[in-house]
C-alpha atoms as a PDB file:
ATOM      1  CA  MET A   1       0.036   0.204  -0.086  1.00  0.00           C
ATOM      2  CA  MET A   2       1.328   3.577  -0.633  1.00  0.00           C
ATOM      3  CA  THR A   3       2.442   5.375   1.875  1.00  0.00           C
ATOM      4  CA  LEU A   4       4.338   8.286   0.873  1.00  0.00           C
ATOM      5  CA  GLU A   5       4.193  10.511  -2.170  1.00  0.00           C
ATOM      6  CA  ASN A   6       6.942  10.351  -5.454  1.00  0.00           C
ATOM      7  CA  SER A   7       8.347  13.629  -5.979  1.00  0.00           C
ATOM      8  CA  LEU A   8       6.337  14.718  -9.022  1.00  0.00           C
ATOM      9  CA  TYR A   9       3.302  14.836  -6.866  1.00  0.00           C
ATOM     10  CA  SER A  10       5.187  16.995  -4.472  1.00  0.00           C
ATOM     11  CA  LYS A  11       5.873  19.002  -6.561  1.00  0.00           C
ATOM     12  CA  ILE A  12       2.368  19.630  -8.389  1.00  0.00           C
ATOM     13  CA  LYS A  13       1.719  20.436  -5.204  1.00  0.00           C
ATOM     14  CA  SER A  14       3.681  22.937  -4.451  1.00  0.00           C
ATOM     15  CA  SER A  15       4.278  24.770  -7.701  1.00  0.00           C
ATOM     16  CA  ASN A  16       2.436  25.856 -10.852  1.00  0.00           C
ATOM     17  CA  PHE A  17       1.441  22.833 -13.159  1.00  0.00           C
ATOM     18  CA  VAL A  18      -0.245  22.365 -16.407  1.00  0.00           C
ATOM     19  CA  PHE A  19      -0.870  19.455 -18.482  1.00  0.00           C
ATOM     20  CA  ALA A  20      -0.632  19.890 -22.089  1.00  0.00           C
ATOM     21  CA  GLY A  21      -0.104  18.474 -25.401  1.00  0.00           C
ATOM     22  CA  PRO A  22      -2.441  17.098 -28.679  1.00  0.00           C
ATOM     23  CA  CYS A  23      -5.915  15.097 -28.454  1.00  0.00           C
ATOM     24  CA  VAL A  24      -4.158  11.817 -29.286  1.00  0.00           C
ATOM     25  CA  ALA A  25      -0.828  10.516 -30.422  1.00  0.00           C
ATOM     26  CA  GLU A  26      -1.101  11.204 -34.284  1.00  0.00           C
ATOM     27  CA  SER A  27       2.608  10.448 -35.211  1.00  0.00           C
ATOM     28  CA  GLU A  28       5.899  10.885 -33.872  1.00  0.00           C
ATOM     29  CA  GLY A  29       6.961  13.785 -35.319  1.00  0.00           C
ATOM     30  CA  LEU A  30       3.614  15.316 -34.077  1.00  0.00           C
ATOM     31  CA  LEU A  31       4.461  14.817 -30.400  1.00  0.00           C
ATOM     32  CA  ASP A  32       8.226  15.661 -30.790  1.00  0.00           C
ATOM     33  CA  GLU A  33       7.118  18.907 -32.052  1.00  0.00           C
ATOM     34  CA  VAL A  34       4.495  19.465 -29.638  1.00  0.00           C
ATOM     35  CA  ALA A  35       6.456  18.474 -26.687  1.00  0.00           C
ATOM     36  CA  ALA A  36       9.336  20.673 -27.552  1.00  0.00           C
ATOM     37  CA  PHE A  37       6.977  23.447 -27.677  1.00  0.00           C
ATOM     38  CA  VAL A  38       5.516  22.625 -24.157  1.00  0.00           C
ATOM     39  CA  LYS A  39       9.033  22.501 -22.736  1.00  0.00           C
ATOM     40  CA  HIS A  40       9.789  25.312 -23.967  1.00  0.00           C
ATOM     41  CA  ILE A  41       5.971  27.037 -22.128  1.00  0.00           C
ATOM     42  CA  GLY A  42       7.658  25.485 -19.047  1.00  0.00           C
ATOM     43  CA  GLU A  43      10.871  27.170 -18.825  1.00  0.00           C
ATOM     44  CA  LYS A  44       9.751  30.543 -20.098  1.00  0.00           C
ATOM     45  CA  PHE A  45       6.981  30.633 -17.696  1.00  0.00           C
ATOM     46  CA  ASP A  46       8.555  28.765 -14.320  1.00  0.00           C
ATOM     47  CA  LEU A  47       5.715  26.060 -14.814  1.00  0.00           C
ATOM     48  CA  SER A  48       5.524  22.216 -14.138  1.00  0.00           C
ATOM     49  CA  MET A  49       4.835  20.600 -17.095  1.00  0.00           C
ATOM     50  CA  VAL A  50       2.902  17.323 -17.796  1.00  0.00           C
ATOM     51  CA  PHE A  51       3.008  16.073 -21.526  1.00  0.00           C
ATOM     52  CA  LYS A  52      -0.464  14.349 -22.000  1.00  0.00           C
ATOM     53  CA  ALA A  53      -1.179  12.457 -25.586  1.00  0.00           C
ATOM     54  CA  SER A  54      -3.967   9.548 -25.554  1.00  0.00           C
ATOM     55  CA  PHE A  55      -2.659   6.290 -27.506  1.00  0.00           C
ATOM     56  CA  ASP A  56      -6.276   5.125 -28.130  1.00  0.00           C
ATOM     57  CA  LYS A  57      -9.374   7.496 -28.101  1.00  0.00           C
ATOM     58  CA  ALA A  58     -12.070   4.770 -26.781  1.00  0.00           C
ATOM     59  CA  ASN A  59     -14.597   7.227 -26.454  1.00  0.00           C
ATOM     60  CA  ARG A  60     -15.053   8.856 -29.927  1.00  0.00           C
ATOM     61  CA  THR A  61     -18.579   9.863 -31.128  1.00  0.00           C
ATOM     62  CA  SER A  62     -18.702   7.349 -34.475  1.00  0.00           C
ATOM     63  CA  ALA A  63     -16.816   4.009 -35.292  1.00  0.00           C
ATOM     64  CA  ASN A  64     -15.181   5.441 -38.164  1.00  0.00           C
ATOM     65  CA  SER A  65     -13.255   7.934 -36.331  1.00  0.00           C
ATOM     66  CA  PHE A  66      -9.564   7.938 -35.658  1.00  0.00           C
ATOM     67  CA  ARG A  67      -9.191   6.361 -32.394  1.00  0.00           C
ATOM     68  CA  GLY A  68      -4.697   6.529 -32.259  1.00  0.00           C
ATOM     69  CA  PRO A  69      -2.161   4.224 -33.134  1.00  0.00           C
ATOM     70  CA  GLY A  70      -2.977   1.681 -30.003  1.00  0.00           C
ATOM     71  CA  MET A  71      -1.351   0.622 -26.561  1.00  0.00           C
ATOM     72  CA  GLU A  72       2.037  -0.937 -27.489  1.00  0.00           C
ATOM     73  CA  LYS A  73       2.775   2.335 -30.367  1.00  0.00           C
ATOM     74  CA  GLY A  74       1.646   4.818 -28.356  1.00  0.00           C
ATOM     75  CA  LEU A  75       2.646   4.125 -25.244  1.00  0.00           C
ATOM     76  CA  LYS A  76       6.501   4.084 -26.489  1.00  0.00           C
ATOM     77  CA  MET A  77       5.458   7.221 -28.508  1.00  0.00           C
ATOM     78  CA  LEU A  78       4.466   8.962 -26.093  1.00  0.00           C
ATOM     79  CA  ALA A  79       7.231   7.260 -23.557  1.00  0.00           C
ATOM     80  CA  ASP A  80       9.960   8.413 -26.395  1.00  0.00           C
ATOM     81  CA  ALA A  81       9.097  11.937 -26.205  1.00  0.00           C
ATOM     82  CA  GLY A  82       8.629  12.427 -22.702  1.00  0.00           C
ATOM     83  CA  GLN A  83      12.140  10.613 -22.290  1.00  0.00           C
ATOM     84  CA  LYS A  84      13.784  13.087 -24.915  1.00  0.00           C
ATOM     85  CA  TYR A  85      12.458  16.569 -23.726  1.00  0.00           C
ATOM     86  CA  HIS A  86      12.725  15.674 -19.586  1.00  0.00           C
ATOM     87  CA  LEU A  87       9.094  15.781 -19.336  1.00  0.00           C
ATOM     88  CA  PRO A  88       6.542  13.545 -16.910  1.00  0.00           C
ATOM     89  CA  THR A  89       3.489  12.368 -18.975  1.00  0.00           C
ATOM     90  CA  ILE A  90       0.020  11.591 -18.426  1.00  0.00           C
ATOM     91  CA  THR A  91      -2.300   9.668 -20.774  1.00  0.00           C
ATOM     92  CA  ASP A  92      -5.643   8.275 -20.216  1.00  0.00           C
ATOM     93  CA  ILE A  93      -6.706   4.724 -19.611  1.00  0.00           C
ATOM     94  CA  HIS A  94     -10.448   2.929 -20.360  1.00  0.00           C
ATOM     95  CA  GLU A  95      -9.996  -0.726 -18.939  1.00  0.00           C
ATOM     96  CA  SER A  96      -8.927  -2.136 -15.793  1.00  0.00           C
ATOM     97  CA  TYR A  97      -6.228  -4.365 -17.333  1.00  0.00           C
ATOM     98  CA  GLN A  98      -4.872  -1.402 -18.752  1.00  0.00           C
ATOM     99  CA  ALA A  99      -3.532   0.514 -15.627  1.00  0.00           C
ATOM    100  CA  ALA A 100      -0.713  -1.647 -14.689  1.00  0.00           C
ATOM    101  CA  ILE A 101       0.470  -1.894 -18.184  1.00  0.00           C
ATOM    102  CA  VAL A 102       0.426   2.036 -19.041  1.00  0.00           C
ATOM    103  CA  ALA A 103       1.738   2.896 -15.029  1.00  0.00           C
ATOM    104  CA  GLU A 104       5.517   1.057 -16.950  1.00  0.00           C
ATOM    105  CA  TYR A 105       5.428   3.898 -19.306  1.00  0.00           C
ATOM    106  CA  VAL A 106       3.663   7.109 -17.804  1.00  0.00           C
ATOM    107  CA  ASP A 107       3.981   9.200 -15.010  1.00  0.00           C
ATOM    108  CA  VAL A 108       0.218   9.959 -14.357  1.00  0.00           C
ATOM    109  CA  LEU A 109      -2.444   7.837 -15.084  1.00  0.00           C
ATOM    110  CA  GLN A 110      -6.027  10.230 -16.397  1.00  0.00           C
ATOM    111  CA  ILE A 111      -9.853   8.394 -15.776  1.00  0.00           C
ATOM    112  CA  PRO A 112     -11.931   9.637 -18.708  1.00  0.00           C
ATOM    113  CA  ALA A 113     -14.780  11.630 -17.543  1.00  0.00           C
ATOM    114  CA  PHE A 114     -17.196   9.219 -18.712  1.00  0.00           C
ATOM    115  CA  LEU A 115     -15.587   6.411 -16.562  1.00  0.00           C
ATOM    116  CA  CYS A 116     -15.483   8.022 -13.458  1.00  0.00           C
ATOM    117  CA  ARG A 117     -17.299   5.694 -11.609  1.00  0.00           C
ATOM    118  CA  GLN A 118     -15.929   2.607 -12.589  1.00  0.00           C
ATOM    119  CA  THR A 119     -14.879   0.613  -9.801  1.00  0.00           C
ATOM    120  CA  ASP A 120     -12.381  -1.847 -10.949  1.00  0.00           C
ATOM    121  CA  LEU A 121     -10.657   1.072 -13.141  1.00  0.00           C
ATOM    122  CA  LEU A 122     -10.352   3.263 -10.531  1.00  0.00           C
ATOM    123  CA  LEU A 123      -9.189   0.319  -7.924  1.00  0.00           C
ATOM    124  CA  GLU A 124      -6.589  -0.797 -10.567  1.00  0.00           C
ATOM    125  CA  ALA A 125      -5.246   2.945 -10.846  1.00  0.00           C
ATOM    126  CA  GLY A 126      -4.731   2.864  -7.355  1.00  0.00           C
ATOM    127  CA  LYS A 127      -2.708   0.237  -7.094  1.00  0.00           C
ATOM    128  CA  THR A 128      -0.076   1.043  -9.304  1.00  0.00           C
ATOM    129  CA  GLY A 129       1.389   3.752  -7.158  1.00  0.00           C
ATOM    130  CA  LYS A 130       0.956   6.408  -9.974  1.00  0.00           C
ATOM    131  CA  ILE A 131      -0.893   9.736  -9.141  1.00  0.00           C
ATOM    132  CA  VAL A 132      -4.273   9.370 -10.657  1.00  0.00           C
ATOM    133  CA  ASN A 133      -6.025  12.364 -12.002  1.00  0.00           C
ATOM    134  CA  VAL A 134      -9.646  11.535 -12.120  1.00  0.00           C
ATOM    135  CA  LYS A 135     -11.802  13.474 -14.474  1.00  0.00           C
ATOM    136  CA  LYS A 136     -15.360  14.609 -13.231  1.00  0.00           C
ATOM    137  CA  ALA A 137     -17.616  12.990 -15.556  1.00  0.00           C
ATOM    138  CA  GLN A 138     -19.709  15.624 -17.561  1.00  0.00           C
ATOM    139  CA  PHE A 139     -22.822  14.195 -15.346  1.00  0.00           C
ATOM    140  CA  LEU A 140     -21.942  14.294 -11.911  1.00  0.00           C
ATOM    141  CA  SER A 141     -21.708  17.224  -9.382  1.00  0.00           C
ATOM    142  CA  GLY A 142     -18.533  18.317  -7.720  1.00  0.00           C
ATOM    143  CA  TRP A 143     -19.459  16.779  -4.707  1.00  0.00           C
ATOM    144  CA  ASP A 144     -20.241  13.438  -5.961  1.00  0.00           C
ATOM    145  CA  MET A 145     -16.629  13.433  -6.506  1.00  0.00           C
ATOM    146  CA  LYS A 146     -15.858  12.498  -3.266  1.00  0.00           C
ATOM    147  CA  TYR A 147     -16.486   8.568  -4.328  1.00  0.00           C
ATOM    148  CA  ALA A 148     -14.381   8.301  -6.833  1.00  0.00           C
ATOM    149  CA  VAL A 149     -11.282   9.704  -4.281  1.00  0.00           C
ATOM    150  CA  GLU A 150     -13.064   7.285  -1.596  1.00  0.00           C
ATOM    151  CA  LYS A 151     -11.886   3.923  -3.981  1.00  0.00           C
ATOM    152  CA  VAL A 152      -9.202   5.210  -4.979  1.00  0.00           C
ATOM    153  CA  LYS A 153      -7.589   5.777  -1.482  1.00  0.00           C
ATOM    154  CA  SER A 154      -9.114   2.917  -0.607  1.00  0.00           C
ATOM    155  CA  THR A 155      -6.109   0.978  -2.408  1.00  0.00           C
ATOM    156  CA  GLY A 156      -3.879   2.826   0.234  1.00  0.00           C
ATOM    157  CA  ASN A 157      -2.949   5.535  -2.735  1.00  0.00           C
ATOM    158  CA  ASN A 158      -3.246   9.120  -1.989  1.00  0.00           C
ATOM    159  CA  GLN A 159      -1.771  10.916  -5.014  1.00  0.00           C
ATOM    160  CA  ILE A 160      -5.226  11.854  -6.080  1.00  0.00           C
ATOM    161  CA  LEU A 161      -5.990  14.947  -8.571  1.00  0.00           C
ATOM    162  CA  LEU A 162      -9.222  15.822  -9.847  1.00  0.00           C
ATOM    163  CA  CYS A 163     -10.235  17.567 -13.140  1.00  0.00           C
ATOM    164  CA  GLU A 164     -13.295  19.823 -13.468  1.00  0.00           C
ATOM    165  CA  ARG A 165     -14.593  19.940 -17.619  1.00  0.00           C
ATOM    166  CA  GLY A 166     -17.889  20.754 -17.574  1.00  0.00           C
ATOM    167  CA  THR A 167     -21.601  19.110 -16.937  1.00  0.00           C
ATOM    168  CA  MET A 168     -23.700  18.009 -20.121  1.00  0.00           C
ATOM    169  CA  PHE A 169     -27.099  19.324 -20.140  1.00  0.00           C
ATOM    170  CA  GLY A 170     -27.934  17.532 -23.724  1.00  0.00           C
ATOM    171  CA  TYR A 171     -28.392  19.841 -26.865  1.00  0.00           C
ATOM    172  CA  ASN A 172     -24.245  19.091 -27.720  1.00  0.00           C
ATOM    173  CA  ASN A 173     -23.071  21.253 -25.467  1.00  0.00           C
ATOM    174  CA  LEU A 174     -21.387  21.720 -21.768  1.00  0.00           C
ATOM    175  CA  VAL A 175     -21.770  24.210 -19.107  1.00  0.00           C
ATOM    176  CA  VAL A 176     -19.467  24.672 -16.152  1.00  0.00           C
ATOM    177  CA  ASP A 177     -20.413  25.488 -13.242  1.00  0.00           C
ATOM    178  CA  PHE A 178     -17.593  26.776 -11.264  1.00  0.00           C
ATOM    179  CA  ARG A 179     -18.458  26.442  -7.757  1.00  0.00           C
ATOM    180  CA  ASN A 180     -17.424  22.652  -8.475  1.00  0.00           C
ATOM    181  CA  ILE A 181     -14.155  23.489  -8.247  1.00  0.00           C
ATOM    182  CA  ILE A 182     -14.507  24.599  -4.746  1.00  0.00           C
ATOM    183  CA  ASP A 183     -16.479  21.679  -4.101  1.00  0.00           C
ATOM    184  CA  MET A 184     -13.937  19.251  -5.177  1.00  0.00           C
ATOM    185  CA  LYS A 185     -11.084  21.344  -2.991  1.00  0.00           C
ATOM    186  CA  SER A 186     -13.103  20.891   0.228  1.00  0.00           C
ATOM    187  CA  PHE A 187     -11.478  16.942  -0.089  1.00  0.00           C
ATOM    188  CA  GLY A 188      -8.115  18.457   0.107  1.00  0.00           C
ATOM    189  CA  TYR A 189      -6.932  17.222  -3.123  1.00  0.00           C
ATOM    190  CA  PRO A 190      -5.686  19.639  -5.877  1.00  0.00           C
ATOM    191  CA  VAL A 191      -8.260  20.196  -8.466  1.00  0.00           C
ATOM    192  CA  VAL A 192      -7.616  20.770 -12.361  1.00  0.00           C
ATOM    193  CA  MET A 193      -9.502  22.429 -14.844  1.00  0.00           C
ATOM    194  CA  ASP A 194      -9.614  21.240 -18.248  1.00  0.00           C
ATOM    195  CA  ALA A 195     -10.599  24.124 -20.051  1.00  0.00           C
ATOM    196  CA  THR A 196     -10.310  23.024 -23.454  1.00  0.00           C
ATOM    197  CA  HIS A 197     -12.287  19.729 -22.887  1.00  0.00           C
ATOM    198  CA  ALA A 198     -14.901  22.402 -21.081  1.00  0.00           C
ATOM    199  CA  VAL A 199     -15.792  24.302 -24.562  1.00  0.00           C
ATOM    200  CA  GLN A 200     -16.305  20.993 -26.344  1.00  0.00           C
ATOM    201  CA  ARG A 201     -19.836  20.686 -28.252  1.00  0.00           C
ATOM    202  CA  PRO A 202     -20.007  16.644 -28.240  1.00  0.00           C
ATOM    203  CA  GLY A 203     -20.860  14.986 -31.130  1.00  0.00           C
ATOM    204  CA  GLY A 204     -22.590  18.340 -32.595  1.00  0.00           C
ATOM    205  CA  LEU A 205     -20.436  17.631 -35.619  1.00  0.00           C
ATOM    206  CA  ASP A 206     -23.017  15.074 -37.247  1.00  0.00           C
ATOM    207  CA  GLY A 207     -20.496  11.979 -36.100  1.00  0.00           C
ATOM    208  CA  LYS A 208     -18.218  14.274 -34.335  1.00  0.00           C
ATOM    209  CA  SER A 209     -17.341  16.690 -31.590  1.00  0.00           C
ATOM    210  CA  GLY A 210     -17.555  20.356 -32.158  1.00  0.00           C
ATOM    211  CA  GLY A 211     -15.784  23.208 -30.066  1.00  0.00           C
ATOM    212  CA  ASN A 212     -15.599  26.680 -29.338  1.00  0.00           C
ATOM    213  CA  ARG A 213     -12.285  27.421 -28.620  1.00  0.00           C
ATOM    214  CA  GLU A 214     -12.041  30.968 -28.704  1.00  0.00           C
ATOM    215  CA  TYR A 215     -14.093  30.605 -24.906  1.00  0.00           C
ATOM    216  CA  VAL A 216     -11.087  28.560 -23.186  1.00  0.00           C
ATOM    217  CA  PRO A 217      -9.194  31.527 -21.951  1.00  0.00           C
ATOM    218  CA  TYR A 218     -11.906  33.133 -20.315  1.00  0.00           C
ATOM    219  CA  LEU A 219     -12.941  29.654 -18.661  1.00  0.00           C
ATOM    220  CA  ALA A 220      -9.282  29.398 -17.750  1.00  0.00           C
ATOM    221  CA  LYS A 221      -9.367  32.596 -15.805  1.00  0.00           C
ATOM    222  CA  ALA A 222     -12.710  32.474 -14.418  1.00  0.00           C
ATOM    223  CA  ALA A 223     -10.854  28.872 -12.913  1.00  0.00           C
ATOM    224  CA  LYS A 224      -7.671  30.305 -11.815  1.00  0.00           C
ATOM    225  CA  ALA A 225      -9.781  33.037  -9.958  1.00  0.00           C
ATOM    226  CA  VAL A 226     -11.819  30.589  -8.135  1.00  0.00           C
ATOM    227  CA  GLY A 227      -8.660  28.679  -6.742  1.00  0.00           C
ATOM    228  CA  ALA A 228      -7.722  25.966  -9.460  1.00  0.00           C
ATOM    229  CA  ASP A 229      -4.720  24.897  -9.045  1.00  0.00           C
ATOM    230  CA  GLY A 230      -3.683  23.556 -12.120  1.00  0.00           C
ATOM    231  CA  PHE A 231      -4.843  23.434 -16.023  1.00  0.00           C
ATOM    232  CA  PHE A 232      -5.259  20.875 -18.892  1.00  0.00           C
ATOM    233  CA  PHE A 233      -4.891  22.185 -22.428  1.00  0.00           C
ATOM    234  CA  GLU A 234      -5.286  19.955 -25.282  1.00  0.00           C
ATOM    235  CA  ILE A 235      -2.340  21.882 -27.850  1.00  0.00           C
ATOM    236  CA  HIS A 236      -1.676  21.225 -31.752  1.00  0.00           C
ATOM    237  CA  PRO A 237       0.135  23.228 -34.236  1.00  0.00           C
ATOM    238  CA  ASN A 238      -2.739  22.955 -36.574  1.00  0.00           C
ATOM    239  CA  PRO A 239      -5.818  22.273 -34.862  1.00  0.00           C
ATOM    240  CA  ASP A 240      -7.852  22.651 -37.542  1.00  0.00           C
ATOM    241  CA  GLN A 241      -6.269  20.060 -39.097  1.00  0.00           C
ATOM    242  CA  ALA A 242      -5.613  17.765 -35.833  1.00  0.00           C
ATOM    243  CA  LEU A 243      -7.426  13.946 -36.080  1.00  0.00           C
ATOM    244  CA  SER A 244      -9.287  14.357 -32.997  1.00  0.00           C
ATOM    245  CA  ASP A 245     -10.660  17.523 -30.824  1.00  0.00           C
ATOM    246  CA  GLY A 246      -9.668  20.171 -33.011  1.00  0.00           C
ATOM    247  CA  PRO A 247     -12.020  22.457 -32.663  1.00  0.00           C
ATOM    248  CA  ASN A 248     -11.316  22.831 -28.588  1.00  0.00           C
ATOM    249  CA  MET A 249      -7.529  22.740 -28.903  1.00  0.00           C
ATOM    250  CA  LEU A 250      -5.565  25.973 -29.343  1.00  0.00           C
ATOM    251  CA  ASP A 251      -2.606  26.443 -31.743  1.00  0.00           C
ATOM    252  CA  PHE A 252       0.795  27.171 -29.789  1.00  0.00           C
ATOM    253  CA  LYS A 253       0.458  31.150 -30.622  1.00  0.00           C
ATOM    254  CA  ALA A 254      -3.087  30.871 -28.571  1.00  0.00           C
ATOM    255  CA  PHE A 255      -1.392  28.502 -25.587  1.00  0.00           C
ATOM    256  CA  GLU A 256       1.776  30.799 -25.272  1.00  0.00           C
ATOM    257  CA  ASN A 257      -0.747  34.020 -25.185  1.00  0.00           C
ATOM    258  CA  LEU A 258      -2.667  32.093 -23.016  1.00  0.00           C
ATOM    259  CA  MET A 259       0.074  31.234 -20.269  1.00  0.00           C
ATOM    260  CA  GLU A 260       1.181  34.662 -20.442  1.00  0.00           C
ATOM    261  CA  GLU A 261      -1.944  36.183 -19.253  1.00  0.00           C
ATOM    262  CA  LEU A 262      -2.236  33.241 -16.742  1.00  0.00           C
ATOM    263  CA  TYR A 263       1.077  32.879 -14.834  1.00  0.00           C
ATOM    264  CA  ALA A 264       3.362  36.370 -16.665  1.00  0.00           C
END
């Protein structure tokens, strides 16, 4: 059973931290380009950066949508980029058997919002001893996340992050209730604001999700005002050409400008 914090979790708790990267690991070249930029942003603004990419987007709206390179190839690509630029890494897991395998490659395991009540998934993630970032489901309140916390804690792992990403009321839209950040902070764990997925329009583009990236800076600044401890952003050199979640993602210039506003 875990009793001690690892050094990354201690650093996250005591510094400004940002999770950033493309939605999905499209190619080795893309990961290299984005990881280099994430490293640059961390050094420029003195931030603790964690590099993000998904090896499999298992919850795409359509079965015809691009999902990623798969676990074996995708994890190696992500780990290689992280090692090259000396960045810790985070990725999603979707099934409980993946936890132990993925933990060999990354520093933070992320529980997707739709799956944050999946008991076995949370337990297996906790058992790895890695940091576990649990995204609040689009159908839950901040208070409801105490049960996800209890499941991870039951494994002896206290290295928990909670992530706000908006609430769904139907009609291909999300709304952010910033009280959820305040409520989740009361549990005593760092709270992350996912400002790019929060502007998503789920299933709003005829079989794929749309989004309104122009709202990202406003949601990020509002989240900081109510006490968000860190941020999650999906970024891409050319979001309109991205293979997943393009309408939500920020390009490099927009991301750097937002970091200037948040942290200069």
